[in-house]
Protein backbone atom coordinates (compact mmCIF):
# COMPACT_ATOMS: atom_id res chain seq x y z
CA UNK A 1 71.96 22.91 64.34
CA UNK A 2 70.78 25.94 61.78
CA UNK A 3 73.99 27.60 59.97
CA UNK A 4 76.54 28.09 62.99
CA UNK A 5 73.70 28.26 65.41
CA UNK A 6 72.49 25.98 68.06
CA UNK A 7 69.18 26.05 69.17
CA UNK A 8 67.10 24.08 71.53
CA UNK A 9 63.66 24.61 72.86
CA UNK A 10 63.29 24.47 76.77
CA UNK A 11 59.19 25.41 77.18
CA UNK A 12 56.34 26.99 75.96
CA UNK A 13 53.99 26.28 72.80
CA UNK A 14 56.74 24.86 70.54
CA UNK A 15 58.02 22.30 72.94
CA UNK A 16 54.82 21.50 73.93
CA UNK A 17 54.42 20.42 70.49
CA UNK A 18 57.41 18.12 70.04
CA UNK A 19 56.87 16.48 73.44
CA UNK A 20 53.47 15.41 72.13
CA UNK A 21 55.11 14.62 68.80
CA UNK A 22 57.32 12.11 71.01
CA UNK A 23 54.71 10.76 73.12
CA UNK A 24 51.72 10.53 70.68
CA UNK A 25 52.36 11.22 66.80
CA UNK A 26 55.19 9.26 66.06
CA UNK A 27 54.17 6.15 68.11
CA UNK A 28 50.63 6.54 66.81
CA UNK A 29 52.52 6.58 62.95
CA UNK A 30 54.80 3.69 63.34
CA UNK A 31 51.45 1.82 64.04
CA UNK A 32 49.66 3.18 61.19
CA UNK A 33 52.80 2.39 58.77
CA UNK A 34 53.09 -1.07 59.97
CA UNK A 35 49.66 -1.53 59.53
CA UNK A 36 49.72 0.13 55.90
CA UNK A 37 51.92 -2.40 54.73
CA UNK A 38 54.69 0.22 54.14
CA UNK A 39 57.60 -1.91 55.34
CA UNK A 40 55.91 -4.89 54.09
CA UNK A 41 56.24 -3.60 50.46
CA UNK A 42 60.41 -3.26 51.07
CA UNK A 43 60.35 -6.88 52.65
CA UNK A 44 58.56 -8.54 49.84
CA UNK A 45 61.30 -7.26 47.17
CA UNK A 46 63.40 -10.21 49.06
CA UNK A 47 60.51 -12.28 50.15
CA UNK A 48 58.25 -12.40 47.30
CA UNK A 49 55.80 -14.90 50.06
CA UNK A 50 54.95 -11.65 52.16
CA UNK A 51 52.32 -10.52 49.40
CA UNK A 52 51.19 -8.39 47.25
CA UNK A 53 52.34 -5.00 46.98
CA UNK A 54 49.85 -2.62 49.32
CA UNK A 55 48.58 0.90 48.49
CA UNK A 56 47.76 2.71 45.24
CA UNK A 57 50.89 5.06 44.68
CA UNK A 58 54.35 5.22 43.72
CA UNK A 59 55.61 6.98 46.30
CA UNK A 60 54.74 5.16 49.99
CA UNK A 61 58.14 5.01 50.51
CA UNK A 62 58.45 8.57 51.31
CA UNK A 63 56.24 8.09 54.21
CA UNK A 64 58.91 6.02 55.87
CA UNK A 65 61.66 8.23 54.70
CA UNK A 66 60.05 11.43 56.02
CA UNK A 67 59.45 9.63 59.77
CA UNK A 68 62.53 8.78 59.47
CA UNK A 69 63.92 12.06 59.13
CA UNK A 70 61.85 13.16 62.12
CA UNK A 71 63.36 9.85 63.95
CA UNK A 72 67.11 10.93 63.47
CA UNK A 73 66.55 13.81 65.70
CA UNK A 74 64.32 11.86 68.25
CA UNK A 75 66.07 8.46 69.04
CA UNK A 76 69.18 9.63 70.37
CA UNK A 77 67.15 11.50 73.39
CA UNK A 78 66.68 9.95 76.82
CA UNK A 79 63.09 10.45 76.25
CA UNK A 80 62.87 8.94 72.51
CA UNK A 81 59.58 7.60 71.61
CA UNK A 82 59.10 4.07 72.44
CA UNK A 83 60.05 1.72 69.71
CA UNK A 84 61.59 4.35 67.49
CA UNK A 85 65.22 3.24 67.34
CA UNK A 86 63.95 -0.56 66.68
CA UNK A 87 61.79 1.05 64.21
CA UNK A 88 64.76 3.38 62.27
CA UNK A 89 66.88 0.29 62.49
CA UNK A 90 64.16 -1.76 60.82
CA UNK A 91 63.58 0.15 58.02
CA UNK A 92 67.27 1.19 57.04
CA UNK A 93 67.88 -2.58 57.01
CA UNK A 94 64.92 -3.10 54.66
CA UNK A 95 66.04 -0.27 52.59
CA UNK A 96 69.65 -2.13 52.68
CA UNK A 97 68.36 -5.00 51.40
CA UNK A 98 65.87 -4.16 48.74
CA UNK A 99 68.38 -1.44 46.74
CA UNK A 100 69.40 -2.64 43.36
CA UNK A 101 72.97 -2.68 42.37
CA UNK A 102 72.62 0.27 40.34
CA UNK A 103 71.36 2.04 43.80
CA UNK A 104 67.83 2.16 42.24
CA UNK A 105 65.23 2.44 45.53
CA UNK A 106 61.14 2.18 44.84
CA UNK A 107 59.56 -0.91 46.42
CA UNK A 108 56.31 0.13 43.69
CA UNK A 109 58.33 0.13 40.43
CA UNK A 110 60.92 -2.72 41.73
CA UNK A 111 57.78 -4.97 42.86
CA UNK A 112 57.83 -8.01 40.62
CA UNK A 113 54.15 -8.09 39.74
CA UNK A 114 54.72 -4.36 38.54
CA UNK A 115 54.37 -4.22 34.87
CA UNK A 116 55.67 -0.73 34.90
CA UNK A 117 59.42 -0.24 34.79
CA UNK A 118 61.28 1.74 36.43
CA UNK A 119 62.00 5.45 34.98
CA UNK A 120 59.04 4.62 32.57
CA UNK A 121 56.66 7.32 33.84
CA UNK A 122 58.51 10.38 34.90
CA UNK A 123 54.96 12.49 35.07
CA UNK A 124 53.68 10.45 37.90
CA UNK A 125 56.37 7.70 39.13
CA UNK A 126 57.55 10.23 41.81
CA UNK A 127 61.00 8.45 41.45
CA UNK A 128 62.98 11.40 42.26
CA UNK A 129 60.70 12.57 44.68
CA UNK A 130 61.33 9.40 46.52
CA UNK A 131 64.90 9.99 46.10
CA UNK A 132 64.62 13.53 47.59
CA UNK A 133 62.88 12.41 50.87
CA UNK A 134 65.39 9.62 51.13
CA UNK A 135 68.22 12.16 51.14
CA UNK A 136 66.79 14.27 53.63
CA UNK A 137 66.14 11.25 55.96
CA UNK A 138 70.04 10.58 55.13
CA UNK A 139 71.46 13.71 56.08
CA UNK A 140 69.42 14.28 59.30
CA UNK A 141 70.64 11.07 60.42
CA UNK A 142 74.33 11.51 59.79
CA UNK A 143 73.76 14.70 61.33
CA UNK A 144 72.15 13.93 64.48
CA UNK A 145 73.33 10.48 64.98
CA UNK A 146 76.61 9.74 62.93
CA UNK A 147 75.00 7.36 61.15
CA UNK A 148 75.89 6.88 58.02
CA UNK A 149 73.97 3.91 56.62
CA UNK A 150 71.00 5.81 55.03
CA UNK A 151 73.98 8.53 53.83
CA UNK A 152 75.19 5.33 51.87
CA UNK A 153 71.80 4.43 50.42
CA UNK A 154 70.99 7.84 49.41
CA UNK A 155 74.23 8.18 47.68
CA UNK A 156 73.93 5.24 45.47
CA UNK A 157 70.60 6.28 44.14
CA UNK A 158 71.53 9.96 43.58
CA UNK A 159 75.06 9.02 41.72
CA UNK A 160 72.41 6.49 39.59
CA UNK A 161 70.45 10.02 38.94
CA UNK A 162 73.60 12.24 38.16
CA UNK A 163 74.59 9.33 35.76
CA UNK A 164 71.42 8.95 33.89
CA UNK A 165 70.02 12.30 33.99
CA UNK A 166 73.19 14.81 34.36
CA UNK A 167 75.26 16.97 32.55
CA UNK A 168 76.04 13.96 30.14
CA UNK A 169 72.53 11.68 30.69
CA UNK A 170 69.06 12.48 29.42
CA UNK A 171 67.59 15.82 29.87
CA UNK A 172 64.36 15.04 31.63
CA UNK A 173 62.84 16.27 34.64
CA UNK A 174 60.04 14.48 37.93
CA UNK A 175 56.77 15.50 37.81
CA UNK A 176 56.76 16.05 41.43
CA UNK A 177 59.52 18.22 42.60
CA UNK A 178 61.18 17.90 45.70
CA UNK A 179 64.69 16.24 44.76
CA UNK A 180 66.20 19.62 44.33
CA UNK A 181 66.25 20.99 47.73
CA UNK A 182 67.46 17.70 48.47
CA UNK A 183 70.07 17.24 46.36
CA UNK A 184 71.36 20.94 47.47
CA UNK A 185 71.71 19.64 50.93
CA UNK A 186 73.45 16.34 50.08
CA UNK A 187 76.36 18.53 48.35
CA UNK A 188 76.06 20.88 51.47
CA UNK A 189 76.73 17.41 53.47
CA UNK A 190 79.18 15.43 51.22
CA UNK A 191 80.94 18.66 49.24
CA UNK A 192 80.00 16.50 45.94
CA UNK A 193 79.74 19.43 43.29
CA UNK A 194 77.74 16.99 40.81
CA UNK A 195 74.86 17.06 43.72
CA UNK A 196 74.62 20.59 43.26
CA UNK A 197 74.95 20.86 39.31
CA UNK A 198 72.20 18.14 39.29
CA UNK A 199 69.47 20.48 41.54
CA UNK A 200 70.36 23.29 38.79
CA UNK A 201 69.74 20.97 35.90
CA UNK A 202 66.27 20.07 37.35
CA UNK A 203 65.07 23.52 37.92
CA UNK A 204 66.34 24.81 34.70
CA UNK A 205 64.76 21.96 32.69
CA UNK A 206 61.12 22.99 34.11
CA UNK A 207 59.19 24.61 31.13
CA UNK A 208 61.41 23.19 28.15
CA UNK A 209 59.47 20.26 26.80
CA UNK A 210 61.08 17.68 28.86
CA UNK A 211 58.20 15.82 30.43
CA UNK A 212 55.34 14.25 29.09
CA UNK A 213 52.29 15.69 30.82
CA UNK A 214 48.95 13.49 31.20
CA UNK A 215 45.80 14.05 32.99
CA UNK A 216 46.77 17.55 33.56
CA UNK A 217 48.59 20.59 31.88
CA UNK A 218 51.76 21.79 32.07
CA UNK A 219 50.67 24.44 34.61
CA UNK A 220 50.00 21.67 37.12
CA UNK A 221 53.33 20.53 36.66
CA UNK A 222 54.97 23.85 37.06
CA UNK A 223 56.48 23.06 33.64
CA UNK A 224 54.40 25.11 31.04
CA UNK A 225 57.11 27.69 30.89
CA UNK A 226 60.94 28.24 32.04
CA UNK A 227 61.09 28.81 36.03
CA UNK A 228 62.38 32.23 35.62
CA UNK A 229 59.47 33.29 33.62
CA UNK A 230 56.77 31.99 35.57
CA UNK A 231 54.05 34.60 35.77
CA UNK A 232 52.80 33.58 39.27
CA UNK A 233 52.76 30.68 41.62
CA UNK A 234 50.68 28.23 39.96
CA UNK A 235 49.22 24.42 39.85
CA UNK A 236 49.47 21.94 42.27
CA UNK A 237 50.30 23.82 45.51
CA UNK A 238 52.94 21.26 46.94
CA UNK A 239 54.92 20.92 43.93
CA UNK A 240 55.07 24.92 43.22
CA UNK A 241 56.52 25.61 46.91
CA UNK A 242 58.96 22.36 47.02
CA UNK A 243 60.27 23.78 43.41
CA UNK A 244 60.54 26.92 44.74
CA UNK A 245 62.60 25.84 47.78
CA UNK A 246 65.12 23.75 45.74
CA UNK A 247 65.18 27.05 43.48
CA UNK A 248 65.89 28.98 46.53
CA UNK A 249 68.60 26.33 47.51
CA UNK A 250 70.05 26.41 44.23
CA UNK A 251 70.53 30.02 44.51
CA UNK A 252 72.00 30.06 47.94
CA UNK A 253 74.77 27.73 46.97
CA UNK A 254 75.19 29.23 43.18
CA UNK A 255 74.46 32.58 43.60
CA UNK A 256 72.76 32.94 40.18
CA UNK A 257 70.83 36.46 40.49
CA UNK A 258 68.23 35.45 38.09
CA UNK A 259 66.78 33.07 40.33
CA UNK A 260 66.15 35.45 43.15
CA UNK A 261 64.82 37.92 41.32
CA UNK A 262 62.25 35.10 39.88
CA UNK A 263 61.33 33.62 43.33
CA UNK A 264 61.22 37.30 45.22
CA UNK A 265 58.48 38.01 42.24
CA UNK A 266 56.93 35.00 43.15
CA UNK A 267 56.57 35.10 46.52
CA UNK A 268 55.23 38.80 46.60
CA UNK A 269 52.57 38.17 44.22
CA UNK A 270 51.57 34.71 46.28
CA UNK A 271 51.38 36.78 49.45
CA UNK A 272 49.54 39.45 48.13
CA UNK A 273 46.91 37.48 45.88
CA UNK A 274 47.07 33.77 46.48
CA UNK A 275 47.74 33.00 50.33
CA UNK A 276 45.24 32.65 53.01
CA UNK A 277 44.91 34.85 56.07
CA UNK A 278 46.07 31.26 57.79
CA UNK A 279 49.26 31.04 55.68
CA UNK A 280 47.53 28.55 53.83
CA UNK A 281 48.40 27.53 49.95
CA UNK A 282 46.06 26.10 47.54
CA UNK A 283 42.28 26.69 46.79
CA UNK A 284 41.07 23.93 44.18
CA UNK A 285 40.22 20.65 45.47
CA UNK A 286 40.20 19.14 42.29
CA UNK A 287 44.08 19.16 41.25
CA UNK A 288 45.03 20.26 44.86
CA UNK A 289 46.20 23.45 42.90
CA UNK A 290 46.56 27.01 43.35
CA UNK A 291 44.02 29.15 41.97
CA UNK A 292 43.58 32.44 40.18
CA UNK A 293 44.84 35.36 41.85
CA UNK A 294 41.87 36.15 44.72
CA UNK A 295 40.45 32.77 44.11
CA UNK A 296 40.29 31.76 47.71
CA UNK A 297 37.02 30.38 48.94
CA UNK A 298 36.56 29.38 52.58
CA UNK A 299 34.68 26.32 52.71
CA UNK A 300 36.50 25.13 49.91
CA UNK A 301 40.10 26.07 50.68
CA UNK A 302 42.48 23.15 50.12
CA UNK A 303 45.37 24.29 51.81
CA UNK A 304 47.34 21.13 52.05
CA UNK A 305 49.15 20.71 55.23
CA UNK A 306 52.05 19.49 53.18
CA UNK A 307 51.59 22.77 51.25
CA UNK A 308 51.99 24.51 54.64
CA UNK A 309 55.30 22.68 55.23
CA UNK A 310 56.67 23.45 51.59
CA UNK A 311 55.68 27.19 52.00
CA UNK A 312 57.80 27.35 55.65
CA UNK A 313 60.30 25.91 53.70
CA UNK A 314 60.49 28.48 50.92
CA UNK A 315 60.13 31.17 53.31
CA UNK A 316 63.10 30.04 55.61
CA UNK A 317 65.19 29.90 52.37
CA UNK A 318 64.06 33.50 51.28
CA UNK A 319 65.19 34.66 54.47
CA UNK A 320 68.62 33.28 54.53
CA UNK A 321 69.16 34.66 50.77
CA UNK A 322 67.79 38.10 51.84
CA UNK A 323 67.60 38.76 55.39
CA UNK A 324 64.06 40.41 54.90
CA UNK A 325 61.93 39.71 57.85
CA UNK A 326 58.86 39.54 55.85
CA UNK A 327 59.55 35.97 55.09
CA UNK A 328 59.15 34.81 58.80
CA UNK A 329 56.34 36.96 59.48
CA UNK A 330 54.59 34.47 56.73
CA UNK A 331 56.47 31.55 58.04
CA UNK A 332 55.54 32.46 61.58
CA UNK A 333 51.66 32.85 60.27
CA UNK A 334 51.92 29.29 58.42
CA UNK A 335 53.21 27.47 61.61
CA UNK A 336 50.74 28.94 64.28
CA UNK A 337 47.57 28.36 61.48
CA UNK A 338 48.18 26.66 58.39
CA UNK A 339 50.23 23.97 59.53
CA UNK A 340 48.94 23.63 63.21
CA UNK A 341 45.45 22.95 62.46
CA UNK A 342 46.81 19.67 60.38
CA UNK A 343 47.31 17.97 63.83
CA UNK A 344 44.68 17.02 65.93
CA UNK A 345 44.95 18.22 69.92
CA UNK A 346 46.06 14.74 70.78
CA UNK A 347 48.59 14.13 68.13
CA UNK A 348 46.76 11.29 66.60
CA UNK A 349 44.42 12.30 63.75
CA UNK A 350 45.13 14.79 61.22
CA UNK A 351 43.68 16.91 58.27
CA UNK A 352 44.87 16.83 54.68
CA UNK A 353 43.25 19.96 53.46
CA UNK A 354 42.35 22.96 55.89
CA UNK A 355 39.12 24.82 55.30
CA UNK A 356 38.47 28.38 56.81
CA UNK A 357 35.14 27.35 57.34
CA UNK A 358 32.65 24.34 57.82
CA UNK A 359 28.93 24.45 57.11
CA UNK A 360 26.37 22.67 59.33
CA UNK A 361 25.84 20.07 56.65
CA UNK A 362 29.38 19.26 55.35
CA UNK A 363 29.82 15.65 54.85
CA UNK A 364 33.08 15.54 52.51
CA UNK A 365 35.79 13.58 54.76
CA UNK A 366 39.31 14.92 54.42
CA UNK A 367 41.59 14.12 51.97
CA UNK A 368 38.44 12.69 49.91
CA UNK A 369 38.68 9.66 51.91
CA UNK A 370 34.98 7.68 51.97
CA UNK A 371 33.35 7.21 55.20
CA UNK A 372 34.84 6.99 58.62
CA UNK A 373 35.68 10.68 60.65
CA UNK A 374 34.12 13.45 59.67
CA UNK A 375 37.31 15.90 60.71
CA UNK A 376 40.64 14.91 61.26
CA UNK A 377 41.36 11.33 60.60
CA UNK A 378 43.72 8.55 61.71
CA UNK A 379 45.77 7.90 58.24
CA UNK A 380 44.80 8.28 54.58
CA UNK A 381 45.27 6.26 51.68
CA UNK A 382 47.89 8.80 50.58
CA UNK A 383 49.13 9.72 54.01
CA UNK A 384 52.05 12.39 52.60
CA UNK A 385 50.78 15.04 55.21
CA UNK A 386 51.39 12.89 58.89
CA UNK A 387 54.75 11.81 58.46
CA UNK A 388 55.68 15.47 57.15
CA UNK A 389 54.07 17.10 60.03
CA UNK A 390 56.11 14.58 62.23
CA UNK A 391 59.61 15.29 60.62
CA UNK A 392 59.00 19.57 60.51
CA UNK A 393 57.69 19.08 64.45
CA UNK A 394 61.05 17.34 65.15
CA UNK A 395 63.11 20.34 63.24
CA UNK A 396 61.05 23.09 64.86
CA UNK A 397 64.06 24.41 66.49
CA UNK A 398 66.12 24.54 63.34
CA UNK A 399 64.08 27.32 61.96
CA UNK A 400 63.81 30.14 65.29
CA UNK A 401 67.71 31.64 64.71
CA UNK A 402 70.61 32.07 62.66
CA UNK A 403 73.73 33.92 62.25
CA UNK A 404 73.76 35.87 59.04
CA UNK A 405 76.42 39.08 57.85
CA UNK A 406 77.80 38.39 61.52
CA UNK A 407 74.54 39.02 63.07
CA UNK A 408 72.39 36.42 65.50
CA UNK A 409 68.97 37.00 64.08
CA UNK A 410 66.19 35.63 66.37
CA UNK A 411 63.26 35.48 64.08
CA UNK A 412 60.69 32.62 65.50
CA UNK A 413 60.11 33.73 69.62
CA UNK A 414 59.81 30.88 71.81
CA UNK A 415 61.38 29.57 75.25
CA UNK A 416 64.62 28.81 74.18
CA UNK A 417 68.52 28.30 74.70
CA UNK A 418 70.41 29.81 71.91
CA UNK A 419 74.43 29.35 71.54
CA UNK A 420 76.83 30.58 68.39
CA UNK A 421 80.38 30.60 68.25
CA UNK A 422 80.38 33.63 69.98
CA UNK A 423 77.08 34.00 72.22
CA UNK A 424 75.03 32.12 74.38
CA UNK A 425 71.80 33.14 75.51
CA UNK A 426 68.24 32.51 77.04
CA UNK A 427 65.01 33.12 75.67
CA UNK A 428 61.85 33.06 77.95
CA UNK A 429 58.63 34.17 76.72
CA UNK A 430 54.86 33.14 76.61
CA UNK A 431 54.87 33.83 73.04
CA UNK A 432 52.36 33.20 70.74
CA UNK A 433 49.84 33.75 73.60
CA UNK A 434 52.12 37.05 75.26
CA UNK A 435 54.34 39.45 73.73
CA UNK A 436 56.98 39.83 76.49
CA UNK A 437 60.13 38.43 75.63
CA UNK A 438 63.25 38.28 77.56
CA UNK A 439 66.54 37.48 76.33
CA UNK A 440 69.33 36.76 78.86
CA UNK A 441 72.88 36.86 77.89
CA UNK A 442 74.99 33.60 79.39
CA UNK A 443 78.37 34.22 77.60
CA UNK A 444 79.63 37.03 75.68
CA UNK A 445 83.20 37.46 74.07
CA UNK A 446 84.68 40.74 75.21
CA UNK A 447 83.99 42.58 71.53
CA UNK A 448 81.01 44.22 69.87
CA UNK A 449 78.32 41.51 69.39
CA UNK A 450 75.07 42.07 67.35
CA UNK A 451 71.65 40.44 67.80
CA UNK A 452 68.93 41.28 65.41
CA UNK A 453 65.08 40.70 66.74
CA UNK A 454 62.04 40.32 64.32
CA UNK A 455 59.36 42.92 64.56
CA UNK A 456 56.26 41.42 63.49
CA UNK A 457 54.19 43.82 60.90
CA UNK A 458 50.94 43.04 63.18
CA UNK A 459 52.41 44.67 66.00
CA UNK A 460 51.85 48.67 66.50
CA UNK A 461 53.76 49.89 69.38
CA UNK A 462 56.42 47.40 70.13
CA UNK A 463 59.11 48.65 72.99
CA UNK A 464 62.48 47.45 73.22
CA UNK A 465 64.90 47.74 76.71
CA UNK A 466 68.66 47.09 76.34
CA UNK A 467 71.25 46.39 79.53
CA UNK A 468 71.10 50.31 81.31
CA UNK A 469 68.60 51.61 79.48
CA UNK A 470 64.74 52.28 79.57
CA UNK A 471 62.24 50.86 77.54
CA UNK A 472 62.08 52.65 74.07
CA UNK A 473 59.35 52.82 71.54
CA UNK A 474 60.20 51.48 67.93
CA UNK A 475 58.47 52.07 64.99
CA UNK A 476 58.41 48.89 62.92
CA UNK A 477 58.24 50.57 59.70
CA UNK A 478 61.67 52.60 60.08
CA UNK A 479 63.43 49.28 61.00
CA UNK A 480 65.61 48.09 58.32
CA UNK A 481 64.25 44.79 56.62
CA UNK A 482 61.91 44.53 59.53
CA UNK A 483 64.59 44.10 62.20
CA UNK A 484 65.62 46.02 65.42
CA UNK A 485 69.49 45.38 66.30
CA UNK A 486 71.38 45.92 69.39
CA UNK A 487 74.83 46.33 69.15
CA UNK A 488 76.94 46.11 72.19
CA UNK A 489 79.78 44.65 74.34
CA UNK A 490 77.79 42.32 76.21
CA UNK A 491 78.30 40.57 79.50
CA UNK A 492 76.57 37.35 81.25
CA UNK A 493 73.64 38.67 83.03
CA UNK A 494 72.66 41.56 80.80
CA UNK A 495 68.92 41.65 79.29
CA UNK A 496 67.22 42.70 76.82
CA UNK A 497 63.39 42.87 76.61
CA UNK A 498 61.16 43.16 73.81
CA UNK A 499 57.37 43.84 74.00
CA UNK A 500 55.45 43.37 71.06
CA UNK A 501 51.74 44.17 72.10
CA UNK A 502 48.70 41.78 70.97
CA UNK A 503 45.27 43.37 70.89
CA UNK A 504 42.84 41.66 69.15
CA UNK A 505 42.36 42.58 65.62
CA UNK A 506 39.96 42.75 63.03
CA UNK A 507 40.65 41.49 59.16
CA UNK A 508 39.24 42.92 56.08
CA UNK A 509 39.82 41.34 52.47
CA UNK A 510 40.43 42.54 49.45
CA UNK A 511 37.62 43.98 46.97
CA UNK A 512 38.73 41.21 44.40
CA UNK A 513 38.73 38.30 46.91
CA UNK A 514 34.71 37.71 46.53
CA UNK A 515 34.41 35.13 49.22
CA UNK A 516 35.80 36.98 51.87
CA UNK A 517 34.20 40.52 50.80
CA UNK A 518 32.40 42.52 53.33
CA UNK A 519 33.79 40.03 56.21
CA UNK A 520 35.64 40.23 59.17
CA UNK A 521 38.13 37.52 60.44
CA UNK A 522 39.87 38.26 63.97
CA UNK A 523 43.51 37.46 64.75
CA UNK A 524 45.92 38.29 67.59
CA UNK A 525 49.63 38.01 67.68
CA UNK A 526 50.43 35.51 65.04
CA UNK A 527 47.46 32.99 65.72
CA UNK A 528 44.21 33.66 63.55
CA UNK A 529 40.93 32.76 65.62
CA UNK A 530 38.02 31.25 64.50
CA UNK A 531 34.45 30.73 65.75
CA UNK A 532 32.86 27.14 66.49
CA UNK A 533 29.28 26.26 67.20
CA UNK A 534 29.97 25.47 70.05
CA UNK A 535 30.67 28.09 71.54
CA UNK A 536 28.00 30.58 70.61
CA UNK A 537 24.21 30.32 70.53
CA UNK A 538 23.25 31.34 67.74
CA UNK A 539 23.66 29.53 64.11
CA UNK A 540 27.38 30.37 63.23
CA UNK A 541 25.83 31.50 59.63
CA UNK A 542 23.98 34.36 61.18
CA UNK A 543 26.64 35.84 63.03
CA UNK A 544 27.50 39.43 62.71
CA UNK A 545 30.64 40.87 63.98
CA UNK A 546 32.06 44.57 64.14
CA UNK A 547 35.84 46.20 64.12
CA UNK A 548 34.67 47.65 67.06
CA UNK A 549 33.50 44.65 68.83
CA UNK A 550 36.80 42.93 68.07
CA UNK A 551 38.98 45.56 69.78
CA UNK A 552 36.61 44.89 72.54
CA UNK A 553 37.33 41.64 73.00
CA UNK A 554 38.39 39.83 76.24
CA UNK A 555 41.46 38.12 75.85
CA UNK A 556 41.07 34.77 78.19
CA UNK A 557 43.41 32.08 79.25
CA UNK A 558 42.12 29.01 78.59
CA UNK A 559 44.32 25.77 79.80
CA UNK A 560 47.15 26.38 77.58
CA UNK A 561 45.91 28.75 75.31
CA UNK A 562 44.34 32.22 75.03
CA UNK A 563 40.69 32.46 73.56
CA UNK A 564 38.85 35.74 72.91
CA UNK A 565 35.26 36.29 74.11
CA UNK A 566 33.58 38.99 72.15
CA UNK A 567 29.80 40.12 71.98
CA UNK A 568 28.83 39.48 68.10
CA UNK A 569 25.44 40.37 66.18
CA UNK A 570 22.92 38.35 65.35
CA UNK A 571 21.28 38.90 61.68
CA UNK A 572 17.55 38.08 61.44
CA UNK A 573 16.18 34.85 59.61
CA UNK A 574 17.28 35.42 55.93
CA UNK A 575 15.05 35.63 53.06
CA UNK A 576 13.81 32.11 51.87
CA UNK A 577 14.61 33.04 48.32
CA UNK A 578 18.10 31.89 47.15
CA UNK A 579 18.27 34.86 45.04
CA UNK A 580 15.76 37.68 45.97
CA UNK A 581 14.79 40.75 44.07
CA UNK A 582 16.36 43.76 45.72
CA UNK A 583 15.32 47.39 45.46
CA UNK A 584 17.98 48.86 47.79
CA UNK A 585 21.59 48.14 49.19
CA UNK A 586 21.17 45.85 52.21
CA UNK A 587 22.62 46.60 55.44
CA UNK A 588 23.58 43.86 57.78
CA UNK A 589 22.27 44.97 61.04
CA UNK A 590 21.94 42.83 64.02
CA UNK A 591 18.53 41.68 65.25
CA UNK A 592 20.28 41.08 69.01
CA UNK A 593 23.55 40.37 70.15
CA UNK A 594 24.83 37.22 71.90
CA UNK A 595 28.32 36.39 73.69
CA UNK A 596 31.00 34.30 71.73
CA UNK A 597 34.19 32.52 72.28
CA UNK A 598 36.93 32.90 69.52
CA UNK A 599 39.27 29.95 69.64
CA UNK A 600 42.59 29.60 67.67
CA UNK A 601 42.01 28.36 64.37
CA UNK A 602 44.38 25.37 64.89
CA UNK A 603 42.58 24.30 67.56
CA UNK A 604 39.14 23.62 65.73
CA UNK A 605 37.61 20.38 64.73
CA UNK A 606 38.37 18.81 68.26
CA UNK A 607 35.25 18.60 69.40
CA UNK A 608 31.81 17.48 67.40
CA UNK A 609 31.96 18.21 63.76
CA UNK A 610 29.82 21.39 64.08
CA UNK A 611 29.78 24.26 61.70
CA UNK A 612 32.97 26.75 61.85
CA UNK A 613 34.05 30.10 60.65
CA UNK A 614 37.22 32.21 60.19
CA UNK A 615 35.17 35.18 58.21
CA UNK A 616 32.29 36.48 59.64
CA UNK A 617 29.77 39.00 57.91
CA UNK A 618 30.48 42.56 58.84
CA UNK A 619 28.19 44.30 61.23
CA UNK A 620 27.07 47.94 60.24
CA UNK A 621 27.65 50.16 63.01
CA UNK A 622 26.17 53.23 61.37
């Protein structure tokens, strides 16, 4: 349920993803978590004979919490994943047994062989980050299963934090934001104001000298200036987006206008200068960080999968706060590209980082792991992304529609049944492969109601047909906040049809974006496309593309997806010198043309580990 709105996915790509999540990804993750020792780390707290703590990191409990959050949506279903209920119950019991008398819970710091003491390393200990994911799992279990066991555990830990670091406690913060939005959600679930206050304190304390910085400077932790004074999104990408999402939640519950002003400014700057075409965030491997403005290398894009999820969380909250459709435009881009690419087609292998280019001789493994698969991997030593994918996949229906200002806003188009207190309707579409969207009213009161439909910025000639009317053209830029609103007294059987034409389009890059200067990328609807070496006879690095070729690309259904067939140019063999002397402006003229198939970016890497590009050099047409 999303803020007075119930949504059930009934078919299409998103429903297919959820079915894959249940059938493949969740069983795979449960097996990997058992193999990695996450459960044993908890078990040994009451039975030291189990063996030593397994893993390098103090936040491995969160891989269980994120998985439990996803399972809370799944175990009550008739088609629940095999073994999911047993795993859920087993972990809950282990957590109950492991929790300390004062409420503290962390298998790393509670380990009898661990020389570090609890709360001794807030910069890197991730204890409050752990609490955040525990809270989110607990709230999900309470709401989806009416199972309060995790909530009891989470509240005991949260109450300890309030006593220790609240208004009358020590003024500190955690090195990895996440607990802020979790505490706000705990407040929403319980009505306990202390949790909201604690979230506000954690946001307000950043940049005020409350955290010891080691290894990286304050910018990495978003702790060099107060949050409201941040000039731009900066530092570790996941930390930044989680912090912004938490600050947005604090604004939503307190109405603090200074937070919203800062959030809007940071968001707009990020979208304008620091976000990849795919919606990925983070351009540096060394510190998993957001780089400078326009620092967006393709082959070294980090764009961590967790950062994609965090960006969507921030986007959804900004939509809730402002009602502006632009936030859902970005949400949708991330969903179908930077997020979806993190999971293999079969649902059992993962990307940690998500580049927009792979060179033919590339050897570095995803997540900087040693050896093994060149592309997606079955698991990681730092496996934060796989369980994050699981929980978000289970919650996709919560980010489709909501009621705001007495209006049902439908922001993500997919086959679904949507119900509010007043309306019940069915959405039928083949989106994102097709822009025809049909809404059929199933039930409505005898009073006027308003339905708002998002008009994505990528569409140019949308049309709307309302009951009893012919199709009318819409001009997206004239629609308030990116929405078209239909207000009338609906009756059962009424049909609304929205058509969003999806022609293939060519994207260029800002002149300051050196990595993609004079290059073209291809998109259709919300989906970004790429070309893999398997789908073209000439070397990918020699390909040239023109806007005309993109406009003439043939749209072809290939199984469950849509691919684009285009004619691309092939550049003459380049000079042997790395830096040749030139006496005139180079012109990229093709020596010949060949057919190429562009596939959705999120599907790349499911075949042999060959070259791939999102951006191709521009073919001069003069």
